[in-house]
Amino acid sequence: MTREQAIERWTDITGTVFWAEDRISDVWNDKLKAMADRPKEERIAFTQEYCRAIAIEITNATSDEELAAIE
């Protein structure tokens, strides 16, 4: 993979993440704001939950065939 191909791939990935993040924002925005003052350990655990919610949103919008085709 060339550098330009890697950049294009990451551009697609981040675009998809931003799309999913926007789709779950109504549910998660208040939770995100509430984490600002929490201890670091809680924020780290919360980040994993938030990332998983984004991944679930992405995979819910992806067919089984598309998932199988991902390398």
N, C-alpha and C. Protein backbone atom coordinates (compact mmCIF):
# COMPACT_ATOMS: atom_id res chain seq x y z
N MET A 1 0.84 -1.16 0.00
CA MET A 1 0.00 0.00 0.00
C MET A 1 0.90 1.24 0.00
N THR A 2 0.55 2.16 -0.86
CA THR A 2 1.31 3.40 -0.90
C THR A 2 0.83 4.33 0.21
N ARG A 3 1.61 5.36 0.47
CA ARG A 3 1.21 6.35 1.47
C ARG A 3 -0.12 6.99 1.08
N GLU A 4 -0.28 7.33 -0.19
CA GLU A 4 -1.53 7.95 -0.64
C GLU A 4 -2.71 6.98 -0.48
N GLN A 5 -2.52 5.71 -0.76
CA GLN A 5 -3.58 4.73 -0.54
C GLN A 5 -3.94 4.63 0.94
N ALA A 6 -2.93 4.68 1.79
CA ALA A 6 -3.17 4.64 3.23
C ALA A 6 -3.96 5.88 3.68
N ILE A 7 -3.60 7.03 3.15
CA ILE A 7 -4.31 8.26 3.48
C ILE A 7 -5.76 8.16 3.04
N GLU A 8 -6.00 7.67 1.83
CA GLU A 8 -7.36 7.51 1.33
C GLU A 8 -8.16 6.54 2.20
N ARG A 9 -7.53 5.44 2.59
CA ARG A 9 -8.19 4.45 3.44
C ARG A 9 -8.57 5.05 4.79
N TRP A 10 -7.62 5.75 5.41
CA TRP A 10 -7.90 6.38 6.70
C TRP A 10 -8.93 7.49 6.57
N THR A 11 -8.95 8.18 5.46
CA THR A 11 -9.98 9.20 5.23
C THR A 11 -11.35 8.55 5.21
N ASP A 12 -11.48 7.42 4.53
CA ASP A 12 -12.74 6.69 4.51
C ASP A 12 -13.13 6.22 5.91
N ILE A 13 -12.16 5.69 6.63
CA ILE A 13 -12.44 5.17 7.98
C ILE A 13 -12.91 6.30 8.90
N THR A 14 -12.17 7.41 8.91
CA THR A 14 -12.55 8.49 9.81
C THR A 14 -13.88 9.11 9.41
N GLY A 15 -14.14 9.18 8.13
CA GLY A 15 -15.45 9.67 7.67
C GLY A 15 -16.58 8.79 8.18
N THR A 16 -16.37 7.49 8.15
CA THR A 16 -17.37 6.55 8.65
C THR A 16 -17.55 6.70 10.16
N VAL A 17 -16.45 6.88 10.88
CA VAL A 17 -16.54 7.08 12.33
C VAL A 17 -17.31 8.35 12.65
N PHE A 18 -17.02 9.44 11.95
CA PHE A 18 -17.74 10.69 12.20
C PHE A 18 -19.23 10.55 11.89
N TRP A 19 -19.55 9.81 10.82
CA TRP A 19 -20.95 9.56 10.47
C TRP A 19 -21.65 8.82 11.61
N ALA A 20 -21.02 7.75 12.11
CA ALA A 20 -21.62 6.97 13.19
C ALA A 20 -21.72 7.80 14.47
N GLU A 21 -20.70 8.57 14.75
CA GLU A 21 -20.71 9.41 15.94
C GLU A 21 -21.87 10.40 15.88
N ASP A 22 -22.12 10.96 14.73
CA ASP A 22 -23.24 11.88 14.56
C ASP A 22 -24.57 11.16 14.80
N ARG A 23 -24.67 9.92 14.34
CA ARG A 23 -25.92 9.15 14.48
C ARG A 23 -26.22 8.80 15.94
N ILE A 24 -25.21 8.67 16.78
CA ILE A 24 -25.45 8.30 18.18
C ILE A 24 -25.36 9.51 19.12
N SER A 25 -25.11 10.68 18.58
CA SER A 25 -24.83 11.85 19.41
C SER A 25 -26.00 12.22 20.34
N ASP A 26 -27.24 12.04 19.91
CA ASP A 26 -28.36 12.39 20.77
C ASP A 26 -28.32 11.60 22.08
N VAL A 27 -27.92 10.36 22.01
CA VAL A 27 -27.87 9.50 23.19
C VAL A 27 -26.60 9.75 24.01
N TRP A 28 -25.49 10.04 23.35
CA TRP A 28 -24.20 10.06 24.02
C TRP A 28 -23.67 11.43 24.41
N ASN A 29 -24.16 12.52 23.84
CA ASN A 29 -23.56 13.84 24.12
C ASN A 29 -23.59 14.20 25.60
N ASP A 30 -24.72 14.00 26.27
CA ASP A 30 -24.78 14.33 27.69
C ASP A 30 -23.83 13.44 28.50
N LYS A 31 -23.73 12.18 28.12
CA LYS A 31 -22.81 11.26 28.80
C LYS A 31 -21.37 11.72 28.62
N LEU A 32 -21.04 12.17 27.41
CA LEU A 32 -19.68 12.65 27.14
C LEU A 32 -19.36 13.88 28.00
N LYS A 33 -20.29 14.80 28.07
CA LYS A 33 -20.07 16.01 28.87
C LYS A 33 -19.89 15.66 30.34
N ALA A 34 -20.64 14.69 30.82
CA ALA A 34 -20.56 14.30 32.23
C ALA A 34 -19.21 13.67 32.59
N MET A 35 -18.51 13.17 31.62
CA MET A 35 -17.23 12.50 31.87
C MET A 35 -16.07 13.48 32.08
N ALA A 36 -16.25 14.72 31.74
CA ALA A 36 -15.15 15.70 31.79
C ALA A 36 -14.50 15.80 33.17
N ASP A 37 -15.28 15.70 34.20
CA ASP A 37 -14.75 15.87 35.55
C ASP A 37 -14.53 14.55 36.29
N ARG A 38 -14.67 13.45 35.61
CA ARG A 38 -14.53 12.14 36.25
C ARG A 38 -13.06 11.75 36.32
N PRO A 39 -12.72 10.84 37.22
CA PRO A 39 -11.32 10.37 37.31
C PRO A 39 -10.88 9.70 36.00
N LYS A 40 -9.59 9.73 35.79
CA LYS A 40 -9.00 9.21 34.55
C LYS A 40 -9.43 7.77 34.27
N GLU A 41 -9.45 6.92 35.27
CA GLU A 41 -9.81 5.51 35.07
C GLU A 41 -11.24 5.38 34.54
N GLU A 42 -12.15 6.20 35.07
CA GLU A 42 -13.53 6.17 34.59
C GLU A 42 -13.62 6.66 33.16
N ARG A 43 -12.85 7.70 32.84
CA ARG A 43 -12.88 8.23 31.47
C ARG A 43 -12.36 7.19 30.48
N ILE A 44 -11.33 6.46 30.88
CA ILE A 44 -10.77 5.43 29.99
C ILE A 44 -11.79 4.33 29.76
N ALA A 45 -12.44 3.86 30.81
CA ALA A 45 -13.47 2.83 30.68
C ALA A 45 -14.63 3.33 29.83
N PHE A 46 -15.02 4.58 30.04
CA PHE A 46 -16.11 5.16 29.28
C PHE A 46 -15.75 5.26 27.80
N THR A 47 -14.50 5.61 27.52
CA THR A 47 -14.05 5.70 26.13
C THR A 47 -14.24 4.38 25.41
N GLN A 48 -13.96 3.28 26.09
CA GLN A 48 -14.16 1.96 25.48
C GLN A 48 -15.64 1.72 25.16
N GLU A 49 -16.53 2.11 26.06
CA GLU A 49 -17.96 1.97 25.82
C GLU A 49 -18.40 2.81 24.62
N TYR A 50 -17.89 4.04 24.57
CA TYR A 50 -18.25 4.96 23.49
C TYR A 50 -17.73 4.44 22.14
N CYS A 51 -16.50 3.98 22.11
CA CYS A 51 -15.95 3.42 20.87
C CYS A 51 -16.74 2.20 20.42
N ARG A 52 -17.15 1.37 21.38
CA ARG A 52 -17.96 0.20 21.04
C ARG A 52 -19.31 0.63 20.47
N ALA A 53 -19.92 1.66 21.03
CA ALA A 53 -21.20 2.15 20.51
C ALA A 53 -21.04 2.65 19.07
N ILE A 54 -19.94 3.31 18.78
CA ILE A 54 -19.67 3.76 17.40
C ILE A 54 -19.50 2.55 16.49
N ALA A 55 -18.73 1.56 16.94
CA ALA A 55 -18.52 0.35 16.13
C ALA A 55 -19.83 -0.38 15.87
N ILE A 56 -20.69 -0.44 16.88
CA ILE A 56 -21.99 -1.10 16.71
C ILE A 56 -22.82 -0.35 15.67
N GLU A 57 -22.81 0.98 15.73
CA GLU A 57 -23.56 1.77 14.76
C GLU A 57 -23.04 1.52 13.34
N ILE A 58 -21.74 1.46 13.19
CA ILE A 58 -21.15 1.20 11.87
C ILE A 58 -21.54 -0.19 11.37
N THR A 59 -21.38 -1.19 12.21
CA THR A 59 -21.67 -2.55 11.76
C THR A 59 -23.15 -2.79 11.56
N ASN A 60 -24.00 -2.07 12.29
CA ASN A 60 -25.44 -2.20 12.06
C ASN A 60 -25.83 -1.68 10.68
N ALA A 61 -25.05 -0.78 10.14
CA ALA A 61 -25.32 -0.21 8.82
C ALA A 61 -24.54 -0.93 7.72
N THR A 62 -23.94 -2.05 8.05
CA THR A 62 -23.11 -2.80 7.11
C THR A 62 -23.69 -4.21 6.96
N SER A 63 -23.85 -4.63 5.72
CA SER A 63 -24.41 -5.97 5.49
C SER A 63 -23.39 -7.06 5.86
N ASP A 64 -23.88 -8.28 6.07
CA ASP A 64 -23.01 -9.40 6.36
C ASP A 64 -22.03 -9.62 5.20
N GLU A 65 -22.48 -9.41 3.97
CA GLU A 65 -21.62 -9.59 2.82
C GLU A 65 -20.50 -8.55 2.82
N GLU A 66 -20.84 -7.31 3.14
CA GLU A 66 -19.81 -6.27 3.21
C GLU A 66 -18.81 -6.55 4.33
N LEU A 67 -19.30 -7.04 5.46
CA LEU A 67 -18.41 -7.38 6.56
C LEU A 67 -17.47 -8.50 6.16
N ALA A 68 -17.99 -9.51 5.45
CA ALA A 68 -17.18 -10.64 5.03
C ALA A 68 -16.10 -10.22 4.03
N ALA A 69 -16.36 -9.15 3.28
CA ALA A 69 -15.41 -8.71 2.27
C ALA A 69 -14.28 -7.86 2.82
N ILE A 70 -14.42 -7.42 4.07
CA ILE A 70 -13.38 -6.58 4.67
C ILE A 70 -12.15 -7.42 4.96
N GLU A 71 -11.02 -6.94 4.52
CA GLU A 71 -9.75 -7.66 4.73
C GLU A 71 -9.16 -7.34 6.06
